[in-house]
Amino acid sequence: MPRSRLLALSLVAALAVTVSACGKKEQPPPPEQGNEYVGLGDSFTAVAGYGPFDNPCQRSAEDYPALVAKKMKYDSFADASCGGAQTVNLTQSQVITGKGVNQAQLDAVSADTKLVTVGMGLNDAPTTTNGTRISYLLLFTCLPEKNGKAPKTCSDYLAQPDSGFDSVIQSLSDDVENGLEQIRQQAPNARIVLVGYPRVAPDKGTCKQLPFPPVALNRIRTVVQAADEALAKVAKKEGADYIDMWAASRGHDACSDDPWVNGSKAVKGKALQFHPYKAYHQAVAEKIVALLTKKPQA
């Protein structure tokens, strides 16, 4: 498999090999000293720009948790997000092949924590996908190989009806709901903010940055939007705030003149393959800060 296919959107298996397990887990012990704010998530939380990164998670000092912490002047802050993270990595360590380990993300959360932001779900691998990550299905199954042709698996993937992803979205929804419940148990007094995913593909048409067959490109649109709609419902059900980055990213897809997400080829100095530009993190941080500083209505 070409090296480019092993670099994922927040998202790809090469960034992390997780300790497998499913379902609800025992809560990790809280840290001895509580962090006032903790950022949790996958690479759409952790990875900002092109690097270089000084940690195995490719976590940037300019990701949106870091920007929020700086703007809100929290006394203690922990960024536990990690490229390749799945919801199971809230309670289980994540082994990054050949690079190190990111401890269970909830290890950074305690009863003293006042704010938790979380953005994850598209890295999960439902049983209905035979253990393949949702992000990989969307972004790499039909990505052209060096010869310019789509992989052999692309035709089988495209033959599946879009309705077949309903169960995938439901699984993602269940995983994130379980994750929010675990966060609430760990930090009963914290404000929880769930961050949705931005547009990757334009509302219509294509471009050289996204060299997919039209059906595959449309599936990226529909599945990511459906995932965001599901995340919004989960946030409401669990009493969490929701940051709608699908709506906010209109006009900022990978094909736009002002993209927040990169396309299929890394842009040196600016963004990794299928990962956010720094402008995306700035936009998310602005929305979170606006939410936190909004005065309640009289």
Protein backbone atom coordinates (compact mmCIF):
# COMPACT_ATOMS: atom_id res chain seq x y z
CA MET A 1 0.00 0.00 0.00
CA PRO A 2 1.47 3.41 -0.94
CA ARG A 3 2.74 5.58 1.88
CA SER A 4 0.18 8.30 1.09
CA ARG A 5 -2.64 5.95 1.98
CA LEU A 6 -1.23 5.51 5.45
CA LEU A 7 -1.50 9.20 6.31
CA ALA A 8 -5.01 9.88 7.38
CA LEU A 9 -7.45 12.53 8.04
CA SER A 10 -7.73 12.42 11.67
CA LEU A 11 -8.17 9.75 11.10
CA VAL A 12 -6.09 7.02 9.60
CA ALA A 13 -4.98 3.73 11.02
CA ALA A 14 -1.28 4.36 10.45
CA LEU A 15 -1.31 7.15 12.97
CA ALA A 16 -2.39 4.78 15.71
CA VAL A 17 -2.92 1.16 16.58
CA THR A 18 -5.30 1.11 19.49
CA VAL A 19 -5.66 -1.48 22.20
CA SER A 20 -8.86 -3.17 21.12
CA ALA A 21 -11.98 -3.35 23.24
CA CYS A 22 -15.58 -2.26 23.01
CA GLY A 23 -18.38 -1.06 25.24
CA LYS A 24 -18.28 0.91 28.47
CA LYS A 25 -15.13 0.68 30.53
CA GLU A 26 -14.14 1.29 34.10
CA GLN A 27 -13.21 4.91 34.65
CA PRO A 28 -9.48 5.67 34.83
CA PRO A 29 -8.12 7.12 38.06
CA PRO A 30 -8.32 10.92 38.08
CA PRO A 31 -5.09 12.92 38.03
CA GLU A 32 -3.67 13.94 41.39
CA GLN A 33 -4.03 17.58 40.43
CA GLY A 34 -7.07 18.53 38.42
CA ASN A 35 -6.86 20.31 35.07
CA GLU A 36 -9.29 23.17 34.76
CA TYR A 37 -9.66 22.61 31.01
CA VAL A 38 -9.03 19.43 29.03
CA GLY A 39 -9.11 19.02 25.25
CA LEU A 40 -9.98 15.55 23.95
CA GLY A 41 -10.21 14.29 20.38
CA ASP A 42 -8.72 12.89 17.20
CA SER A 43 -6.52 14.66 14.66
CA PHE A 44 -9.17 17.21 13.72
CA THR A 45 -8.56 18.38 17.28
CA ALA A 46 -4.83 17.69 17.52
CA VAL A 47 -3.28 18.39 14.12
CA ALA A 48 -2.98 22.00 13.02
CA GLY A 49 -0.86 22.78 10.01
CA TYR A 50 2.12 20.84 8.68
CA GLY A 51 4.37 20.54 11.71
CA PRO A 52 7.05 19.75 12.67
CA PHE A 53 5.44 18.03 15.64
CA ASP A 54 7.38 17.20 18.78
CA ASN A 55 5.07 14.42 19.98
CA PRO A 56 3.86 11.09 18.55
CA CYS A 57 0.25 12.31 18.37
CA GLN A 58 1.20 15.10 15.94
CA ARG A 59 -0.44 17.43 18.43
CA SER A 60 0.10 21.07 17.60
CA ALA A 61 0.69 23.91 20.01
CA GLU A 62 -1.68 25.87 17.78
CA ASP A 63 -4.64 23.48 17.80
CA TYR A 64 -7.99 24.81 18.99
CA PRO A 65 -7.72 23.51 22.59
CA ALA A 66 -4.43 25.39 22.97
CA LEU A 67 -5.93 28.53 21.45
CA VAL A 68 -8.99 28.35 23.73
CA ALA A 69 -6.82 27.80 26.81
CA LYS A 70 -4.70 30.83 25.93
CA LYS A 71 -7.68 33.08 25.22
CA MET A 72 -9.62 32.03 28.32
CA LYS A 73 -6.48 32.11 30.52
CA TYR A 74 -7.10 28.82 32.28
CA ASP A 75 -4.80 28.18 35.23
CA SER A 76 -4.31 24.54 34.29
CA PHE A 77 -4.81 22.97 30.88
CA ALA A 78 -4.18 19.56 29.33
CA ASP A 79 -4.42 18.70 25.66
CA ALA A 80 -4.92 14.93 25.48
CA SER A 81 -6.04 14.81 21.84
CA CYS A 82 -4.17 12.56 19.43
CA GLY A 83 -4.08 11.87 15.72
CA GLY A 84 -5.79 8.59 14.92
CA ALA A 85 -7.74 8.46 18.20
CA GLN A 86 -10.99 6.56 18.44
CA THR A 87 -13.66 7.00 21.11
CA VAL A 88 -12.29 3.89 22.85
CA ASN A 89 -9.12 5.90 23.50
CA LEU A 90 -10.98 7.98 26.03
CA THR A 91 -10.43 5.09 28.44
CA GLN A 92 -7.69 3.05 26.76
CA SER A 93 -4.12 3.90 25.85
CA GLN A 94 -3.33 4.53 22.20
CA VAL A 95 -0.13 3.03 20.83
CA ILE A 96 1.30 5.03 17.93
CA THR A 97 3.31 2.54 15.89
CA GLY A 98 7.01 3.04 16.37
CA LYS A 99 6.56 6.38 18.11
CA GLY A 100 5.12 5.95 21.59
CA VAL A 101 1.93 5.86 23.60
CA ASN A 102 -0.79 8.39 24.35
CA GLN A 103 -2.38 7.53 27.67
CA ALA A 104 -6.14 7.18 27.92
CA GLN A 105 -7.43 10.68 27.24
CA LEU A 106 -9.72 10.70 30.26
CA ASP A 107 -6.65 10.33 32.47
CA ALA A 108 -6.35 14.11 32.18
CA VAL A 109 -9.89 14.73 33.46
CA SER A 110 -10.89 14.95 37.12
CA ALA A 111 -13.76 16.12 39.30
CA ASP A 112 -12.05 19.53 39.36
CA THR A 113 -12.24 19.95 35.60
CA LYS A 114 -14.50 22.84 34.58
CA LEU A 115 -14.40 22.53 30.78
CA VAL A 116 -13.97 19.58 28.42
CA THR A 117 -13.98 19.98 24.65
CA VAL A 118 -14.14 16.83 22.55
CA GLY A 119 -14.07 16.11 18.83
CA MET A 120 -14.03 12.51 17.64
CA GLY A 121 -16.05 9.73 16.02
CA LEU A 122 -14.99 9.47 12.38
CA ASN A 123 -12.02 7.30 13.32
CA ASP A 124 -14.22 4.62 14.82
CA ALA A 125 -14.46 1.25 13.10
CA PRO A 126 -17.99 -0.22 13.37
CA THR A 127 -18.55 -3.95 12.97
CA THR A 128 -20.63 -3.13 9.89
CA THR A 129 -17.43 -1.90 8.18
CA ASN A 130 -15.53 -5.08 9.08
CA GLY A 131 -13.35 -3.09 11.43
CA THR A 132 -12.38 -0.44 8.87
CA ARG A 133 -12.33 3.13 10.08
CA ILE A 134 -15.08 5.34 8.72
CA SER A 135 -12.53 7.97 7.70
CA TYR A 136 -10.50 5.44 5.76
CA LEU A 137 -13.57 4.22 3.86
CA LEU A 138 -14.47 7.76 2.86
CA LEU A 139 -11.06 9.14 1.99
CA PHE A 140 -8.84 6.28 0.91
CA THR A 141 -10.96 3.51 -0.59
CA CYS A 142 -11.25 5.34 -3.92
CA LEU A 143 -8.17 7.55 -3.75
CA PRO A 144 -6.23 7.01 -7.01
CA GLU A 145 -3.01 5.05 -6.81
CA LYS A 146 0.26 6.16 -8.41
CA ASN A 147 -0.92 4.87 -11.78
CA GLY A 148 -3.88 7.23 -11.59
CA LYS A 149 -6.43 4.43 -11.29
CA ALA A 150 -8.76 3.80 -8.38
CA PRO A 151 -7.99 0.75 -6.20
CA LYS A 152 -9.79 -2.49 -7.01
CA THR A 153 -11.78 -2.17 -3.79
CA CYS A 154 -13.34 1.11 -4.97
CA SER A 155 -15.95 -0.46 -7.26
CA ASP A 156 -17.26 -2.73 -4.51
CA TYR A 157 -17.39 0.20 -2.12
CA LEU A 158 -19.31 2.38 -4.58
CA ALA A 159 -21.75 -0.44 -5.29
CA GLN A 160 -22.98 -0.21 -1.71
CA PRO A 161 -26.07 2.01 -1.34
CA ASP A 162 -25.77 5.14 0.76
CA SER A 163 -28.47 3.71 3.01
CA GLY A 164 -25.93 1.11 4.07
CA PHE A 165 -24.17 3.84 6.02
CA ASP A 166 -27.16 4.40 8.28
CA SER A 167 -25.92 1.70 10.63
CA VAL A 168 -22.42 3.18 10.48
CA ILE A 169 -23.72 6.57 11.60
CA GLN A 170 -25.76 4.93 14.34
CA SER A 171 -22.67 3.14 15.61
CA LEU A 172 -20.69 6.39 15.60
CA SER A 173 -23.54 8.08 17.47
CA ASP A 174 -23.63 5.35 20.12
CA ASP A 175 -19.86 5.49 20.59
CA VAL A 176 -19.82 9.26 21.09
CA GLU A 177 -22.85 9.14 23.39
CA ASN A 178 -21.06 6.55 25.51
CA GLY A 179 -17.97 8.76 25.47
CA LEU A 180 -19.87 11.82 26.70
CA GLU A 181 -21.36 9.76 29.49
CA GLN A 182 -17.88 8.65 30.53
CA ILE A 183 -16.69 12.26 30.50
CA ARG A 184 -19.66 13.27 32.64
CA GLN A 185 -18.89 10.54 35.16
CA GLN A 186 -15.27 11.64 35.34
CA ALA A 187 -16.05 15.38 35.53
CA PRO A 188 -19.60 15.77 36.86
CA ASN A 189 -19.37 19.55 37.15
CA ALA A 190 -17.65 20.29 33.86
CA ARG A 191 -19.14 22.03 30.87
CA ILE A 192 -18.81 19.68 27.91
CA VAL A 193 -18.50 21.06 24.39
CA LEU A 194 -18.76 18.62 21.48
CA VAL A 195 -17.17 19.85 18.24
CA GLY A 196 -18.50 18.61 14.90
CA TYR A 197 -16.54 18.04 11.70
CA PRO A 198 -16.14 20.58 8.87
CA ARG A 199 -16.93 20.15 5.20
CA VAL A 200 -14.23 18.34 3.27
CA ALA A 201 -15.94 18.29 -0.13
CA PRO A 202 -17.78 21.18 -1.81
CA ASP A 203 -21.57 21.13 -1.94
CA LYS A 204 -21.30 20.25 -5.61
CA GLY A 205 -18.65 19.60 -8.19
CA THR A 206 -15.07 18.48 -7.64
CA CYS A 207 -11.50 19.71 -8.01
CA LYS A 208 -7.96 18.41 -8.38
CA GLN A 209 -7.50 18.45 -4.60
CA LEU A 210 -10.17 15.74 -4.31
CA PRO A 211 -9.57 13.32 -7.22
CA PHE A 212 -12.47 11.00 -6.45
CA PRO A 213 -15.20 9.53 -8.67
CA PRO A 214 -18.39 11.63 -8.34
CA VAL A 215 -20.19 8.92 -6.35
CA ALA A 216 -17.32 8.63 -3.86
CA LEU A 217 -17.14 12.40 -3.48
CA ASN A 218 -20.86 12.63 -2.87
CA ARG A 219 -20.56 9.94 -0.20
CA ILE A 220 -17.96 12.05 1.61
CA ARG A 221 -20.47 14.90 1.62
CA THR A 222 -23.47 12.90 2.77
CA VAL A 223 -21.76 10.75 5.40
CA VAL A 224 -19.85 13.61 7.07
CA GLN A 225 -23.02 15.73 7.13
CA ALA A 226 -25.02 12.81 8.56
CA ALA A 227 -22.32 12.26 11.17
CA ASP A 228 -22.52 15.90 12.21
CA GLU A 229 -26.30 15.76 12.45
CA ALA A 230 -25.97 12.68 14.66
CA LEU A 231 -23.37 14.39 16.84
CA ALA A 232 -25.64 17.39 17.33
CA LYS A 233 -28.43 15.10 18.54
CA VAL A 234 -26.09 13.29 20.91
CA ALA A 235 -24.89 16.58 22.39
CA LYS A 236 -28.46 17.70 23.02
CA LYS A 237 -29.38 14.37 24.59
CA GLU A 238 -26.36 14.41 26.90
CA GLY A 239 -26.69 18.05 27.91
CA ALA A 240 -23.52 19.15 26.12
CA ASP A 241 -22.97 22.21 23.97
CA TYR A 242 -22.41 21.63 20.26
CA ILE A 243 -20.16 23.54 17.87
CA ASP A 244 -21.57 23.17 14.35
CA MET A 245 -18.51 23.26 12.14
CA TRP A 246 -20.43 21.87 9.16
CA ALA A 247 -22.42 25.10 8.96
CA ALA A 248 -19.42 27.26 9.87
CA SER A 249 -17.24 25.76 7.13
CA ARG A 250 -19.51 26.61 4.20
CA GLY A 251 -17.20 28.03 1.55
CA HIS A 252 -14.12 26.58 3.26
CA ASP A 253 -14.03 23.06 1.82
CA ALA A 254 -10.87 21.59 0.28
CA CYS A 255 -11.81 22.92 -3.17
CA SER A 256 -12.48 26.49 -2.05
CA ASP A 257 -10.27 29.55 -2.33
CA ASP A 258 -10.05 29.66 1.47
CA PRO A 259 -9.88 26.01 2.57
CA TRP A 260 -9.94 24.93 6.19
CA VAL A 261 -9.21 21.30 5.25
CA ASN A 262 -6.52 20.08 2.89
CA GLY A 263 -7.07 17.68 0.01
CA SER A 264 -5.29 14.51 -1.01
CA LYS A 265 -1.74 15.88 -1.14
CA ALA A 266 0.16 17.45 1.72
CA VAL A 267 0.93 21.14 1.29
CA LYS A 268 4.38 21.64 2.74
CA GLY A 269 4.42 24.18 5.52
CA LYS A 270 0.63 24.42 5.59
CA ALA A 271 -1.27 21.16 6.06
CA LEU A 272 -0.98 17.39 6.02
CA GLN A 273 -2.97 15.22 3.64
CA PHE A 274 -6.70 15.45 4.47
CA HIS A 275 -5.98 17.40 7.66
CA PRO A 276 -6.93 20.90 8.81
CA TYR A 277 -5.11 24.11 8.12
CA LYS A 278 -4.44 26.36 11.09
CA ALA A 279 -7.32 28.58 9.95
CA TYR A 280 -9.74 25.79 10.88
CA HIS A 281 -8.47 25.67 14.45
CA GLN A 282 -8.70 29.42 14.73
CA ALA A 283 -12.32 29.27 13.58
CA VAL A 284 -13.19 26.53 16.07
CA ALA A 285 -11.47 28.36 18.91
CA GLU A 286 -13.36 31.56 18.11
CA LYS A 287 -16.67 29.70 18.26
CA ILE A 288 -15.83 27.99 21.54
CA VAL A 289 -14.67 31.25 23.14
CA ALA A 290 -17.82 33.01 21.92
CA LEU A 291 -19.91 30.24 23.48
CA LEU A 292 -18.07 30.40 26.79
CA THR A 293 -18.23 34.19 27.05
CA LYS A 294 -21.83 34.55 25.91
CA LYS A 295 -23.90 36.23 28.57
CA PRO A 296 -27.03 34.30 29.59
CA GLN A 297 -30.31 35.86 28.52
CA ALA A 298 -32.19 37.68 31.26
